[in-house]
PDB file of N, CA and C in Angstrom:
ATOM      1  N   MET A   1     130.583  29.399  77.409  1.00  0.00           N
ATOM      2  CA  MET A   1     129.515  29.252  78.366  1.00  0.00           C
ATOM      3  C   MET A   1     129.896  28.182  79.388  1.00  0.00           C
ATOM      4  N   LEU A   2     129.390  28.362  80.606  1.00  0.00           N
ATOM      5  CA  LEU A   2     129.683  27.433  81.682  1.00  0.00           C
ATOM      6  C   LEU A   2     128.396  26.785  82.193  1.00  0.00           C
ATOM      7  N   ASP A   3     128.518  25.533  82.600  1.00  0.00           N
ATOM      8  CA  ASP A   3     127.421  24.818  83.249  1.00  0.00           C
ATOM      9  C   ASP A   3     127.773  24.658  84.724  1.00  0.00           C
ATOM     10  N   GLN A   4     126.798  24.870  85.580  1.00  0.00           N
ATOM     11  CA  GLN A   4     126.993  24.675  87.010  1.00  0.00           C
ATOM     12  C   GLN A   4     126.613  23.243  87.357  1.00  0.00           C
ATOM     13  N   LYS A   5     127.524  22.525  88.007  1.00  0.00           N
ATOM     14  CA  LYS A   5     127.289  21.133  88.394  1.00  0.00           C
ATOM     15  C   LYS A   5     127.395  21.016  89.903  1.00  0.00           C
ATOM     16  N   THR A   6     126.560  20.158  90.497  1.00  0.00           N
ATOM     17  CA  THR A   6     126.603  19.880  91.924  1.00  0.00           C
ATOM     18  C   THR A   6     126.880  18.392  92.104  1.00  0.00           C
ATOM     19  N   ASP A   7     127.900  18.069  92.931  1.00  0.00           N
ATOM     20  CA  ASP A   7     128.259  16.662  93.124  1.00  0.00           C
ATOM     21  C   ASP A   7     127.459  16.035  94.263  1.00  0.00           C
ATOM     22  N   ASP A   8     127.788  14.787  94.603  1.00  0.00           N
ATOM     23  CA  ASP A   8     127.064  14.039  95.635  1.00  0.00           C
ATOM     24  C   ASP A   8     127.195  14.657  97.028  1.00  0.00           C
ATOM     25  N   PHE A   9     128.225  15.477  97.232  1.00  0.00           N
ATOM     26  CA  PHE A   9     128.448  16.123  98.522  1.00  0.00           C
ATOM     27  C   PHE A   9     127.903  17.541  98.543  1.00  0.00           C
ATOM     28  N   ASN A  10     127.073  17.880  97.542  1.00  0.00           N
ATOM     29  CA  ASN A  10     126.439  19.188  97.407  1.00  0.00           C
ATOM     30  C   ASN A  10     127.444  20.316  97.182  1.00  0.00           C
ATOM     31  N   ARG A  11     128.613  19.986  96.576  1.00  0.00           N
ATOM     32  CA  ARG A  11     129.607  20.989  96.210  1.00  0.00           C
ATOM     33  C   ARG A  11     129.336  21.436  94.787  1.00  0.00           C
ATOM     34  N   THR A  12     129.415  22.735  94.559  1.00  0.00           N
ATOM     35  CA  THR A  12     129.146  23.299  93.250  1.00  0.00           C
ATOM     36  C   THR A  12     130.449  23.567  92.515  1.00  0.00           C
ATOM     37  N   SER A  13     130.488  23.244  91.237  1.00  0.00           N
ATOM     38  CA  SER A  13     131.626  23.575  90.381  1.00  0.00           C
ATOM     39  C   SER A  13     131.095  23.983  89.012  1.00  0.00           C
ATOM     40  N   TRP A  14     131.960  24.579  88.232  1.00  0.00           N
ATOM     41  CA  TRP A  14     131.592  25.056  86.899  1.00  0.00           C
ATOM     42  C   TRP A  14     132.435  24.329  85.865  1.00  0.00           C
ATOM     43  N   ILE A  15     131.799  23.918  84.771  1.00  0.00           N
ATOM     44  CA  ILE A  15     132.531  23.250  83.690  1.00  0.00           C
ATOM     45  C   ILE A  15     132.151  23.896  82.358  1.00  0.00           C
ATOM     46  N   PRO A  16     133.084  23.891  81.401  1.00  0.00           N
ATOM     47  CA  PRO A  16     132.772  24.468  80.092  1.00  0.00           C
ATOM     48  C   PRO A  16     131.700  23.657  79.364  1.00  0.00           C
ATOM     49  N   GLN A  17     130.871  24.343  78.581  1.00  0.00           N
ATOM     50  CA  GLN A  17     129.875  23.661  77.753  1.00  0.00           C
ATOM     51  C   GLN A  17     130.554  23.245  76.451  1.00  0.00           C
ATOM     52  N   ILE A  18     130.977  21.997  76.395  1.00  0.00           N
ATOM     53  CA  ILE A  18     131.669  21.451  75.225  1.00  0.00           C
ATOM     54  C   ILE A  18     131.056  20.088  74.936  1.00  0.00           C
ATOM     55  N   GLU A  19     130.934  19.770  73.660  1.00  0.00           N
ATOM     56  CA  GLU A  19     130.412  18.460  73.288  1.00  0.00           C
ATOM     57  C   GLU A  19     131.361  17.367  73.768  1.00  0.00           C
ATOM     58  N   GLY A  20     130.811  16.336  74.331  1.00  0.00           N
ATOM     59  CA  GLY A  20     131.589  15.195  74.789  1.00  0.00           C
ATOM     60  C   GLY A  20     132.058  15.364  76.220  1.00  0.00           C
ATOM     61  N   SER A  21     131.683  14.444  77.086  1.00  0.00           N
ATOM     62  CA  SER A  21     132.038  14.558  78.498  1.00  0.00           C
ATOM     63  C   SER A  21     133.545  14.432  78.719  1.00  0.00           C
ATOM     64  N   LYS A  22     134.221  13.654  77.905  1.00  0.00           N
ATOM     65  CA  LYS A  22     135.659  13.474  78.054  1.00  0.00           C
ATOM     66  C   LYS A  22     136.410  14.755  77.676  1.00  0.00           C
ATOM     67  N   THR A  23     135.938  15.453  76.668  1.00  0.00           N
ATOM     68  CA  THR A  23     136.572  16.696  76.228  1.00  0.00           C
ATOM     69  C   THR A  23     136.539  17.738  77.338  1.00  0.00           C
ATOM     70  N   THR A  24     135.430  17.853  78.025  1.00  0.00           N
ATOM     71  CA  THR A  24     135.284  18.813  79.116  1.00  0.00           C
ATOM     72  C   THR A  24     136.330  18.580  80.194  1.00  0.00           C
ATOM     73  N   LEU A  25     136.631  17.338  80.498  1.00  0.00           N
ATOM     74  CA  LEU A  25     137.602  17.012  81.540  1.00  0.00           C
ATOM     75  C   LEU A  25     139.045  17.164  81.074  1.00  0.00           C
ATOM     76  N   GLU A  26     139.328  16.898  79.798  1.00  0.00           N
ATOM     77  CA  GLU A  26     140.701  16.879  79.306  1.00  0.00           C
ATOM     78  C   GLU A  26     141.193  18.220  78.766  1.00  0.00           C
ATOM     79  N   LEU A  27     140.308  19.071  78.299  1.00  0.00           N
ATOM     80  CA  LEU A  27     140.718  20.323  77.668  1.00  0.00           C
ATOM     81  C   LEU A  27     141.593  21.203  78.561  1.00  0.00           C
ATOM     82  N   PRO A  28     141.264  21.423  79.839  1.00  0.00           N
ATOM     83  CA  PRO A  28     142.137  22.253  80.668  1.00  0.00           C
ATOM     84  C   PRO A  28     143.564  21.711  80.801  1.00  0.00           C
ATOM     85  N   GLY A  29     143.757  20.426  80.692  1.00  0.00           N
ATOM     86  CA  GLY A  29     145.093  19.842  80.760  1.00  0.00           C
ATOM     87  C   GLY A  29     145.924  20.088  79.523  1.00  0.00           C
ATOM     88  N   ILE A  30     145.295  20.369  78.411  1.00  0.00           N
ATOM     89  CA  ILE A  30     145.986  20.590  77.144  1.00  0.00           C
ATOM     90  C   ILE A  30     146.411  22.039  76.982  1.00  0.00           C
ATOM     91  N   LEU A  31     145.597  22.963  77.465  1.00  0.00           N
ATOM     92  CA  LEU A  31     145.819  24.387  77.250  1.00  0.00           C
ATOM     93  C   LEU A  31     146.737  24.991  78.309  1.00  0.00           C
ATOM     94  N   ASP A  32     147.473  26.048  77.932  1.00  0.00           N
ATOM     95  CA  ASP A  32     148.325  26.772  78.879  1.00  0.00           C
ATOM     96  C   ASP A  32     147.540  27.802  79.668  1.00  0.00           C
ATOM     97  N   GLU A  33     146.508  28.366  79.067  1.00  0.00           N
ATOM     98  CA  GLU A  33     145.698  29.379  79.733  1.00  0.00           C
ATOM     99  C   GLU A  33     144.223  28.993  79.640  1.00  0.00           C
ATOM    100  N   VAL A  34     143.556  28.985  80.773  1.00  0.00           N
ATOM    101  CA  VAL A  34     142.112  28.795  80.827  1.00  0.00           C
ATOM    102  C   VAL A  34     141.590  29.960  81.658  1.00  0.00           C
ATOM    103  N   ILE A  35     140.786  30.808  81.046  1.00  0.00           N
ATOM    104  CA  ILE A  35     140.297  32.018  81.689  1.00  0.00           C
ATOM    105  C   ILE A  35     138.769  32.010  81.655  1.00  0.00           C
ATOM    106  N   SER A  36     138.143  32.291  82.790  1.00  0.00           N
ATOM    107  CA  SER A  36     136.682  32.418  82.854  1.00  0.00           C
ATOM    108  C   SER A  36     136.328  33.879  83.070  1.00  0.00           C
ATOM    109  N   MET A  37     135.413  34.400  82.258  1.00  0.00           N
ATOM    110  CA  MET A  37     134.925  35.760  82.449  1.00  0.00           C
ATOM    111  C   MET A  37     133.602  35.672  83.196  1.00  0.00           C
ATOM    112  N   VAL A  38     133.572  36.272  84.397  1.00  0.00           N
ATOM    113  CA  VAL A  38     132.408  36.151  85.267  1.00  0.00           C
ATOM    114  C   VAL A  38     132.014  37.507  85.832  1.00  0.00           C
ATOM    115  N   PRO A  39     130.744  37.683  86.178  1.00  0.00           N
ATOM    116  CA  PRO A  39     130.324  38.937  86.822  1.00  0.00           C
ATOM    117  C   PRO A  39     130.719  38.937  88.299  1.00  0.00           C
ATOM    118  N   MET A  40     131.324  40.035  88.744  1.00  0.00           N
ATOM    119  CA  MET A  40     131.727  40.197  90.143  1.00  0.00           C
ATOM    120  C   MET A  40     131.432  41.618  90.577  1.00  0.00           C
ATOM    121  N   LYS A  41     131.261  41.806  91.877  1.00  0.00           N
ATOM    122  CA  LYS A  41     131.056  43.151  92.398  1.00  0.00           C
ATOM    123  C   LYS A  41     132.359  43.934  92.278  1.00  0.00           C
ATOM    124  N   GLY A  42     132.252  45.129  91.719  1.00  0.00           N
ATOM    125  CA  GLY A  42     133.413  45.999  91.576  1.00  0.00           C
ATOM    126  C   GLY A  42     133.508  46.980  92.722  1.00  0.00           C
ATOM    127  N   GLU A  43     134.379  47.979  92.559  1.00  0.00           N
ATOM    128  CA  GLU A  43     134.587  48.986  93.599  1.00  0.00           C
ATOM    129  C   GLU A  43     133.314  49.769  93.890  1.00  0.00           C
ATOM    130  N   SER A  44     132.484  49.979  92.883  1.00  0.00           N
ATOM    131  CA  SER A  44     131.246  50.746  93.066  1.00  0.00           C
ATOM    132  C   SER A  44     130.065  49.867  93.473  1.00  0.00           C
ATOM    133  N   GLU A  45     130.352  48.608  93.860  1.00  0.00           N
ATOM    134  CA  GLU A  45     129.324  47.641  94.260  1.00  0.00           C
ATOM    135  C   GLU A  45     128.414  47.223  93.111  1.00  0.00           C
ATOM    136  N   ASN A  46     128.687  47.692  91.898  1.00  0.00           N
ATOM    137  CA  ASN A  46     127.950  47.229  90.721  1.00  0.00           C
ATOM    138  C   ASN A  46     128.633  45.987  90.179  1.00  0.00           C
ATOM    139  N   LEU A  47     127.886  45.155  89.482  1.00  0.00           N
ATOM    140  CA  LEU A  47     128.482  43.975  88.863  1.00  0.00           C
ATOM    141  C   LEU A  47     129.324  44.389  87.667  1.00  0.00           C
ATOM    142  N   GLU A  48     130.548  43.895  87.635  1.00  0.00           N
ATOM    143  CA  GLU A  48     131.464  44.120  86.523  1.00  0.00           C
ATOM    144  C   GLU A  48     131.984  42.762  86.076  1.00  0.00           C
ATOM    145  N   ARG A  49     132.310  42.652  84.802  1.00  0.00           N
ATOM    146  CA  ARG A  49     132.913  41.413  84.316  1.00  0.00           C
ATOM    147  C   ARG A  49     134.399  41.410  84.670  1.00  0.00           C
ATOM    148  N   LYS A  50     134.866  40.281  85.164  1.00  0.00           N
ATOM    149  CA  LYS A  50     136.276  40.097  85.520  1.00  0.00           C
ATOM    150  C   LYS A  50     136.737  38.755  84.968  1.00  0.00           C
ATOM    151  N   PHE A  51     138.045  38.637  84.743  1.00  0.00           N
ATOM    152  CA  PHE A  51     138.645  37.368  84.349  1.00  0.00           C
ATOM    153  C   PHE A  51     139.130  36.638  85.595  1.00  0.00           C
ATOM    154  N   VAL A  52     138.739  35.386  85.754  1.00  0.00           N
ATOM    155  CA  VAL A  52     139.274  34.517  86.793  1.00  0.00           C
ATOM    156  C   VAL A  52     140.381  33.711  86.129  1.00  0.00           C
ATOM    157  N   CYS A  53     141.603  33.774  86.688  1.00  0.00           N
ATOM    158  CA  CYS A  53     142.771  33.223  85.999  1.00  0.00           C
ATOM    159  C   CYS A  53     143.492  32.099  86.742  1.00  0.00           C
ATOM    160  N   HIS A  54     143.176  31.862  88.013  1.00  0.00           N
ATOM    161  CA  HIS A  54     143.873  30.826  88.783  1.00  0.00           C
ATOM    162  C   HIS A  54     142.940  29.661  89.096  1.00  0.00           C
ATOM    163  N   THR A  55     143.517  28.490  89.150  1.00  0.00           N
ATOM    164  CA  THR A  55     142.763  27.272  89.399  1.00  0.00           C
ATOM    165  C   THR A  55     142.035  27.314  90.739  1.00  0.00           C
ATOM    166  N   LEU A  56     142.728  27.763  91.778  1.00  0.00           N
ATOM    167  CA  LEU A  56     142.116  27.827  93.106  1.00  0.00           C
ATOM    168  C   LEU A  56     141.364  29.138  93.238  1.00  0.00           C
ATOM    169  N   ASN A  57     140.051  29.069  93.098  1.00  0.00           N
ATOM    170  CA  ASN A  57     139.210  30.251  93.236  1.00  0.00           C
ATOM    171  C   ASN A  57     137.944  29.868  93.983  1.00  0.00           C
ATOM    172  N   ALA A  58     137.349  30.846  94.644  1.00  0.00           N
ATOM    173  CA  ALA A  58     136.238  30.600  95.569  1.00  0.00           C
ATOM    174  C   ALA A  58     135.032  29.922  94.928  1.00  0.00           C
ATOM    175  N   ASN A  59     134.745  30.220  93.668  1.00  0.00           N
ATOM    176  CA  ASN A  59     133.540  29.688  93.028  1.00  0.00           C
ATOM    177  C   ASN A  59     133.801  28.502  92.114  1.00  0.00           C
ATOM    178  N   MET A  60     135.018  27.985  92.136  1.00  0.00           N
ATOM    179  CA  MET A  60     135.388  26.801  91.343  1.00  0.00           C
ATOM    180  C   MET A  60     135.185  27.005  89.837  1.00  0.00           C
ATOM    181  N   TYR A  61     135.456  28.215  89.344  1.00  0.00           N
ATOM    182  CA  TYR A  61     135.389  28.455  87.905  1.00  0.00           C
ATOM    183  C   TYR A  61     136.586  27.788  87.246  1.00  0.00           C
ATOM    184  N   PRO A  62     136.424  27.272  86.021  1.00  0.00           N
ATOM    185  CA  PRO A  62     137.572  26.698  85.335  1.00  0.00           C
ATOM    186  C   PRO A  62     138.577  27.796  85.015  1.00  0.00           C
ATOM    187  N   ALA A  63     139.811  27.614  85.442  1.00  0.00           N
ATOM    188  CA  ALA A  63     140.850  28.608  85.207  1.00  0.00           C
ATOM    189  C   ALA A  63     142.215  27.962  85.416  1.00  0.00           C
ATOM    190  N   LYS A  64     143.218  28.483  84.696  1.00  0.00           N
ATOM    191  CA  LYS A  64     144.590  27.990  84.842  1.00  0.00           C
ATOM    192  C   LYS A  64     145.516  28.987  84.187  1.00  0.00           C
ATOM    193  N   ASP A  65     146.668  29.243  84.809  1.00  0.00           N
ATOM    194  CA  ASP A  65     147.663  30.150  84.250  1.00  0.00           C
ATOM    195  C   ASP A  65     149.036  29.512  84.338  1.00  0.00           C
ATOM    196  N   ARG A  66     149.533  28.996  83.234  1.00  0.00           N
ATOM    197  CA  ARG A  66     150.873  28.425  83.208  1.00  0.00           C
ATOM    198  C   ARG A  66     151.944  29.486  82.974  1.00  0.00           C
ATOM    199  N   SER A  67     151.553  30.703  82.612  1.00  0.00           N
ATOM    200  CA  SER A  67     152.535  31.755  82.377  1.00  0.00           C
ATOM    201  C   SER A  67     153.115  32.271  83.686  1.00  0.00           C
ATOM    202  N   GLY A  68     152.341  32.178  84.770  1.00  0.00           N
ATOM    203  CA  GLY A  68     152.774  32.713  86.052  1.00  0.00           C
ATOM    204  C   GLY A  68     152.730  34.225  86.111  1.00  0.00           C
ATOM    205  N   SER A  69     152.147  34.858  85.109  1.00  0.00           N
ATOM    206  CA  SER A  69     152.134  36.310  84.999  1.00  0.00           C
ATOM    207  C   SER A  69     150.843  36.952  85.487  1.00  0.00           C
ATOM    208  N   LEU A  70     149.811  36.172  85.666  1.00  0.00           N
ATOM    209  CA  LEU A  70     148.492  36.742  85.937  1.00  0.00           C
ATOM    210  C   LEU A  70     148.126  36.669  87.414  1.00  0.00           C
ATOM    211  N   ASN A  71     147.374  37.659  87.861  1.00  0.00           N
ATOM    212  CA  ASN A  71     146.793  37.637  89.195  1.00  0.00           C
ATOM    213  C   ASN A  71     145.589  36.705  89.169  1.00  0.00           C
ATOM    214  N   ALA A  72     145.077  36.354  90.329  1.00  0.00           N
ATOM    215  CA  ALA A  72     143.912  35.474  90.406  1.00  0.00           C
ATOM    216  C   ALA A  72     142.715  36.085  89.693  1.00  0.00           C
ATOM    217  N   ILE A  73     142.519  37.408  89.844  1.00  0.00           N
ATOM    218  CA  ILE A  73     141.437  38.143  89.196  1.00  0.00           C
ATOM    219  C   ILE A  73     142.062  39.261  88.376  1.00  0.00           C
ATOM    220  N   GLU A  74     141.682  39.355  87.119  1.00  0.00           N
ATOM    221  CA  GLU A  74     142.205  40.390  86.222  1.00  0.00           C
ATOM    222  C   GLU A  74     141.046  41.168  85.607  1.00  0.00           C
ATOM    223  N   GLU A  75     141.352  42.382  85.170  1.00  0.00           N
ATOM    224  CA  GLU A  75     140.380  43.205  84.444  1.00  0.00           C
ATOM    225  C   GLU A  75     139.962  42.473  83.179  1.00  0.00           C
ATOM    226  N   ALA A  76     138.691  42.556  82.823  1.00  0.00           N
ATOM    227  CA  ALA A  76     138.180  41.866  81.630  1.00  0.00           C
ATOM    228  C   ALA A  76     138.511  42.667  80.378  1.00  0.00           C
ATOM    229  N   HIS A  77     139.796  42.727  80.071  1.00  0.00           N
ATOM    230  CA  HIS A  77     140.294  43.423  78.876  1.00  0.00           C
ATOM    231  C   HIS A  77     141.299  42.484  78.224  1.00  0.00           C
ATOM    232  N   LEU A  78     140.896  41.844  77.135  1.00  0.00           N
ATOM    233  CA  LEU A  78     141.709  40.803  76.519  1.00  0.00           C
ATOM    234  C   LEU A  78     143.067  41.321  76.057  1.00  0.00           C
ATOM    235  N   GLY A  79     143.110  42.535  75.501  1.00  0.00           N
ATOM    236  CA  GLY A  79     144.379  43.105  75.045  1.00  0.00           C
ATOM    237  C   GLY A  79     145.377  43.251  76.180  1.00  0.00           C
ATOM    238  N   LYS A  80     144.915  43.767  77.317  1.00  0.00           N
ATOM    239  CA  LYS A  80     145.795  43.932  78.483  1.00  0.00           C
ATOM    240  C   LYS A  80     146.229  42.584  79.031  1.00  0.00           C
ATOM    241  N   LEU A  81     145.327  41.619  79.021  1.00  0.00           N
ATOM    242  CA  LEU A  81     145.642  40.285  79.515  1.00  0.00           C
ATOM    243  C   LEU A  81     146.722  39.636  78.648  1.00  0.00           C
ATOM    244  N   LEU A  82     146.566  39.706  77.341  1.00  0.00           N
ATOM    245  CA  LEU A  82     147.552  39.113  76.439  1.00  0.00           C
ATOM    246  C   LEU A  82     148.903  39.816  76.542  1.00  0.00           C
ATOM    247  N   ALA A  83     148.901  41.140  76.707  1.00  0.00           N
ATOM    248  CA  ALA A  83     150.154  41.884  76.855  1.00  0.00           C
ATOM    249  C   ALA A  83     150.868  41.461  78.140  1.00  0.00           C
ATOM    250  N   LYS A  84     150.110  41.249  79.199  1.00  0.00           N
ATOM    251  CA  LYS A  84     150.694  40.849  80.473  1.00  0.00           C
ATOM    252  C   LYS A  84     151.313  39.446  80.370  1.00  0.00           C
ATOM    253  N   ILE A  85     150.640  38.544  79.658  1.00  0.00           N
ATOM    254  CA  ILE A  85     151.181  37.189  79.459  1.00  0.00           C
ATOM    255  C   ILE A  85     152.441  37.250  78.620  1.00  0.00           C
ATOM    256  N   LYS A  86     152.418  38.048  77.553  1.00  0.00           N
ATOM    257  CA  LYS A  86     153.566  38.157  76.653  1.00  0.00           C
ATOM    258  C   LYS A  86     154.767  38.775  77.356  1.00  0.00           C
ATOM    259  N   LYS A  87     154.525  39.778  78.205  1.00  0.00           N
ATOM    260  CA  LYS A  87     155.589  40.453  78.932  1.00  0.00           C
ATOM    261  C   LYS A  87     156.244  39.509  79.939  1.00  0.00           C
ATOM    262  N   GLY A  88     155.461  38.640  80.534  1.00  0.00           N
ATOM    263  CA  GLY A  88     155.982  37.715  81.536  1.00  0.00           C
ATOM    264  C   GLY A  88     156.099  38.386  82.889  1.00  0.00           C
ATOM    265  N   LYS A  89     156.814  37.778  83.755  1.00  0.00           N
ATOM    266  CA  LYS A  89     156.958  38.311  85.130  1.00  0.00           C
ATOM    267  C   LYS A  89     157.850  39.525  85.170  1.00  0.00           C
TER     268      LYS A  89
END
């Protein structure tokens, strides 16, 4: 689960719901992959779940890909995502 936070400059960001404020800030630095599953408009204009995989994303969702194998947005299918990471570039 994600919490939406707004800073003093009225910028919105998303952080994981984890016990301890320090853990929330340090966890992405420890992990190789941080993926957020979020609802997005699909080809049919309906909301579909997608994986956000890159740190630089429009809605500031927590994400990181150290494998270098993932696109910024991926299909929300964990098996396909893991196969793509394992296969590499």
